[in-house]
Amino acid sequence: LATLNWVDWFNKKRVHSALGYVSPFEFEAMYYDKINPLGQVA
């Protein structure tokens, strides 16, 4: 359980300087919003 909590923190909550001080989870969401701003299916 401790490992799963750490993985959740590492991927969703910790900020990363190379990503502009956002979490990897937030960075990925912003990336997909940028390449598909209207949420349209291709």
N, C-alpha and C. Protein backbone atom coordinates (compact mmCIF):
# COMPACT_ATOMS: atom_id res chain seq x y z
N LEU A 1 0.82 -1.20 0.00
CA LEU A 1 0.00 0.00 0.00
C LEU A 1 0.87 1.26 0.00
N ALA A 2 1.95 1.23 0.73
CA ALA A 2 2.83 2.39 0.78
C ALA A 2 3.41 2.69 -0.60
N THR A 3 3.76 1.65 -1.34
CA THR A 3 4.31 1.85 -2.68
C THR A 3 3.27 2.47 -3.61
N LEU A 4 2.04 2.01 -3.52
CA LEU A 4 0.99 2.58 -4.36
C LEU A 4 0.74 4.05 -4.03
N ASN A 5 0.78 4.39 -2.76
CA ASN A 5 0.63 5.79 -2.36
C ASN A 5 1.77 6.64 -2.90
N TRP A 6 2.99 6.10 -2.87
CA TRP A 6 4.14 6.83 -3.37
C TRP A 6 4.02 7.05 -4.89
N VAL A 7 3.61 6.03 -5.62
CA VAL A 7 3.45 6.15 -7.07
C VAL A 7 2.39 7.20 -7.39
N ASP A 8 1.29 7.20 -6.64
CA ASP A 8 0.24 8.20 -6.84
C ASP A 8 0.79 9.60 -6.61
N TRP A 9 1.54 9.79 -5.53
CA TRP A 9 2.14 11.10 -5.24
C TRP A 9 3.12 11.48 -6.35
N PHE A 10 3.97 10.54 -6.75
CA PHE A 10 5.01 10.82 -7.73
C PHE A 10 4.43 11.25 -9.06
N ASN A 11 3.35 10.62 -9.49
CA ASN A 11 2.77 10.91 -10.80
C ASN A 11 1.73 12.02 -10.79
N LYS A 12 1.05 12.23 -9.68
CA LYS A 12 -0.08 13.15 -9.68
C LYS A 12 0.10 14.40 -8.84
N LYS A 13 0.99 14.38 -7.86
CA LYS A 13 1.01 15.49 -6.92
C LYS A 13 2.33 16.25 -6.86
N ARG A 14 3.46 15.60 -7.07
CA ARG A 14 4.74 16.30 -6.94
C ARG A 14 4.93 17.25 -8.11
N VAL A 15 5.52 18.38 -7.83
CA VAL A 15 5.80 19.33 -8.91
C VAL A 15 7.20 19.03 -9.45
N HIS A 16 7.40 19.35 -10.71
CA HIS A 16 8.66 19.04 -11.37
C HIS A 16 9.16 20.30 -12.06
N SER A 17 10.39 20.67 -11.77
CA SER A 17 10.93 21.92 -12.32
C SER A 17 11.00 21.91 -13.84
N ALA A 18 11.32 20.78 -14.44
CA ALA A 18 11.42 20.71 -15.90
C ALA A 18 10.07 20.84 -16.59
N LEU A 19 8.99 20.67 -15.83
CA LEU A 19 7.65 20.77 -16.39
C LEU A 19 6.98 22.08 -16.01
N GLY A 20 7.75 23.05 -15.57
CA GLY A 20 7.19 24.34 -15.20
C GLY A 20 6.53 24.33 -13.83
N TYR A 21 7.04 23.48 -12.96
CA TYR A 21 6.54 23.38 -11.58
C TYR A 21 5.07 22.97 -11.51
N VAL A 22 4.69 22.06 -12.37
CA VAL A 22 3.38 21.41 -12.27
C VAL A 22 3.64 19.91 -12.16
N SER A 23 2.64 19.18 -11.76
CA SER A 23 2.80 17.73 -11.64
C SER A 23 2.78 17.09 -13.03
N PRO A 24 3.37 15.91 -13.15
CA PRO A 24 3.32 15.22 -14.44
C PRO A 24 1.88 14.99 -14.91
N PHE A 25 0.97 14.72 -13.99
CA PHE A 25 -0.44 14.52 -14.31
C PHE A 25 -1.04 15.78 -14.92
N GLU A 26 -0.78 16.94 -14.29
CA GLU A 26 -1.29 18.22 -14.81
C GLU A 26 -0.65 18.57 -16.14
N PHE A 27 0.66 18.31 -16.27
CA PHE A 27 1.37 18.62 -17.50
C PHE A 27 0.80 17.83 -18.67
N GLU A 28 0.51 16.56 -18.44
CA GLU A 28 -0.07 15.74 -19.50
C GLU A 28 -1.45 16.26 -19.91
N ALA A 29 -2.25 16.65 -18.93
CA ALA A 29 -3.58 17.19 -19.24
C ALA A 29 -3.47 18.48 -20.04
N MET A 30 -2.53 19.35 -19.65
CA MET A 30 -2.34 20.61 -20.39
C MET A 30 -1.85 20.34 -21.81
N TYR A 31 -0.99 19.34 -21.97
CA TYR A 31 -0.49 18.98 -23.29
C TYR A 31 -1.64 18.56 -24.21
N TYR A 32 -2.50 17.67 -23.73
CA TYR A 32 -3.60 17.21 -24.56
C TYR A 32 -4.62 18.32 -24.83
N ASP A 33 -4.81 19.22 -23.88
CA ASP A 33 -5.69 20.37 -24.12
C ASP A 33 -5.10 21.28 -25.20
N LYS A 34 -3.77 21.38 -25.22
CA LYS A 34 -3.11 22.24 -26.20
C LYS A 34 -3.21 21.66 -27.61
N ILE A 35 -3.02 20.36 -27.75
CA ILE A 35 -3.05 19.78 -29.10
C ILE A 35 -4.47 19.53 -29.58
N ASN A 36 -5.44 19.52 -28.68
CA ASN A 36 -6.83 19.30 -29.05
C ASN A 36 -7.70 20.21 -28.18
N PRO A 37 -7.66 21.53 -28.43
CA PRO A 37 -8.28 22.49 -27.51
C PRO A 37 -9.79 22.37 -27.36
N LEU A 38 -10.49 21.85 -28.31
CA LEU A 38 -11.94 21.77 -28.22
C LEU A 38 -12.43 20.40 -27.77
N GLY A 39 -11.50 19.51 -27.49
CA GLY A 39 -11.88 18.18 -27.06
C GLY A 39 -12.55 17.36 -28.14
N GLN A 40 -12.27 17.69 -29.39
CA GLN A 40 -12.90 16.99 -30.50
C GLN A 40 -12.16 15.69 -30.79
N VAL A 41 -12.91 14.72 -31.19
CA VAL A 41 -12.33 13.45 -31.60
C VAL A 41 -11.90 13.59 -33.04
N ALA A 42 -10.70 13.13 -33.34
CA ALA A 42 -10.18 13.25 -34.70
C ALA A 42 -10.86 12.29 -35.65
